[in-house]
Protein backbone atom coordinates (compact mmCIF):
# COMPACT_ATOMS: atom_id res chain seq x y z
CA UNK A 1 117.47 85.42 108.89
CA UNK A 2 114.47 87.33 107.40
CA UNK A 3 114.49 88.34 103.74
CA UNK A 4 113.06 91.68 102.71
CA UNK A 5 110.72 91.52 99.99
CA UNK A 6 108.95 94.63 98.37
CA UNK A 7 105.39 95.25 99.80
CA UNK A 8 102.43 94.12 97.58
CA UNK A 9 100.40 97.13 96.33
CA UNK A 10 96.67 96.65 96.52
CA UNK A 11 95.05 99.33 94.41
CA UNK A 12 91.55 99.58 96.20
CA UNK A 13 93.33 100.11 99.60
CA UNK A 14 93.48 103.73 100.74
CA UNK A 15 96.15 105.42 98.87
CA UNK A 16 97.59 108.93 98.30
CA UNK A 17 95.35 111.90 97.81
CA UNK A 18 94.21 112.06 94.07
CA UNK A 19 95.71 114.95 92.04
CA UNK A 20 93.14 116.81 89.97
CA UNK A 21 93.94 118.11 86.40
CA UNK A 22 92.63 118.91 83.05
CA UNK A 23 93.63 118.21 79.45
CA UNK A 24 95.37 120.98 77.71
CA UNK A 25 92.83 123.62 76.65
CA UNK A 26 93.68 123.13 72.96
CA UNK A 27 92.71 119.39 73.16
CA UNK A 28 89.41 119.86 74.96
CA UNK A 29 86.50 119.37 72.59
CA UNK A 30 83.52 119.23 74.56
CA UNK A 31 82.57 119.76 78.48
CA UNK A 32 84.81 120.15 81.16
CA UNK A 33 86.70 116.72 81.54
CA UNK A 34 88.31 117.34 84.73
CA UNK A 35 90.29 114.25 85.89
CA UNK A 36 91.98 112.80 88.97
CA UNK A 37 94.59 110.42 89.22
CA UNK A 38 95.98 108.59 92.41
CA UNK A 39 99.18 106.74 91.48
CA UNK A 40 99.64 103.60 93.51
CA UNK A 41 102.81 102.21 92.40
CA UNK A 42 105.86 103.27 90.27
CA UNK A 43 108.71 100.99 89.13
CA UNK A 44 112.29 101.97 90.30
CA UNK A 45 113.07 103.06 86.67
CA UNK A 46 109.66 105.14 86.56
CA UNK A 47 108.52 103.21 83.36
CA UNK A 48 105.76 101.36 84.89
CA UNK A 49 102.90 103.07 86.80
CA UNK A 50 99.38 102.04 88.09
CA UNK A 51 96.65 103.38 90.20
CA UNK A 52 93.12 104.92 89.84
CA UNK A 53 91.82 107.58 87.68
CA UNK A 54 88.49 109.26 87.42
CA UNK A 55 87.17 111.52 84.49
CA UNK A 56 84.15 113.82 84.38
CA UNK A 57 81.88 114.01 81.27
CA UNK A 58 83.48 115.61 78.20
CA UNK A 59 85.82 114.90 75.17
CA UNK A 60 89.50 115.49 74.37
CA UNK A 61 91.98 114.65 71.94
CA UNK A 62 94.61 112.02 72.95
CA UNK A 63 98.06 110.99 71.76
CA UNK A 64 99.31 107.93 73.48
CA UNK A 65 103.09 107.72 73.80
CA UNK A 66 102.84 104.82 76.47
CA UNK A 67 100.98 101.55 76.50
CA UNK A 68 98.15 101.58 79.00
CA UNK A 69 95.91 98.74 80.36
CA UNK A 70 92.56 100.06 81.44
CA UNK A 71 89.76 98.33 83.51
CA UNK A 72 86.72 100.70 83.70
CA UNK A 73 85.04 100.42 87.20
CA UNK A 74 82.34 102.97 86.74
CA UNK A 75 80.88 104.98 83.66
CA UNK A 76 80.73 104.86 79.99
CA UNK A 77 83.66 106.01 77.60
CA UNK A 78 83.64 106.12 73.81
CA UNK A 79 87.14 105.95 72.23
CA UNK A 80 87.35 107.13 68.55
CA UNK A 81 90.56 106.56 66.70
CA UNK A 82 91.83 108.85 63.92
CA UNK A 83 91.69 105.87 61.64
CA UNK A 84 87.78 105.83 61.98
CA UNK A 85 87.66 102.98 64.50
CA UNK A 86 85.19 103.61 67.41
CA UNK A 87 84.81 101.47 70.65
CA UNK A 88 82.28 101.87 73.57
CA UNK A 89 83.46 100.84 77.06
CA UNK A 90 81.36 100.45 80.14
CA UNK A 91 81.95 99.35 83.78
CA UNK A 92 83.52 95.89 83.69
CA UNK A 93 85.31 96.25 80.52
CA UNK A 94 89.06 96.02 80.29
CA UNK A 95 91.16 97.18 77.22
CA UNK A 96 94.61 98.39 76.08
CA UNK A 97 95.51 101.72 74.68
CA UNK A 98 98.65 100.98 72.55
CA UNK A 99 101.35 103.53 72.12
CA UNK A 100 100.91 105.59 69.15
CA UNK A 101 96.94 105.72 69.28
CA UNK A 102 95.67 109.14 68.39
CA UNK A 103 92.06 110.08 68.55
CA UNK A 104 89.41 111.20 71.08
CA UNK A 105 88.35 109.96 74.42
CA UNK A 106 84.64 110.94 74.97
CA UNK A 107 83.41 110.31 78.53
CA UNK A 108 79.58 109.88 78.33
CA UNK A 109 79.11 109.18 82.13
CA UNK A 110 81.55 110.00 84.89
CA UNK A 111 84.23 107.38 84.76
CA UNK A 112 86.66 105.54 87.02
CA UNK A 113 89.32 102.94 86.03
CA UNK A 114 92.38 101.12 87.22
CA UNK A 115 95.40 101.73 84.98
CA UNK A 116 98.65 100.16 84.39
CA UNK A 117 100.89 102.31 82.15
CA UNK A 118 104.24 101.19 80.67
CA UNK A 119 106.40 103.98 78.94
């Protein structure tokens, strides 16, 4: 008897076509931060998602309602919190954006990341 196991998802395997979008116009501060997302996995309850994201140079206001793990694969991003904090991330860096974070994402060089989001 063969048991059925869910397939393993490999993020850097070919995946679905990326969807293109922009932040809401009233949140954009500089540039034209066009973004793409290629979601590669969603849990059955829809609360956990992961995939690949890209972002063009620009900045916008963010309000995180979810916890998001990020591993930057390309580019340079500066994250500024409304509390005055500021962190610069570059390719190779991994970090978590916690639910409740508010501030600004500023992409200084075109960026690409793996993401894992828990709502």
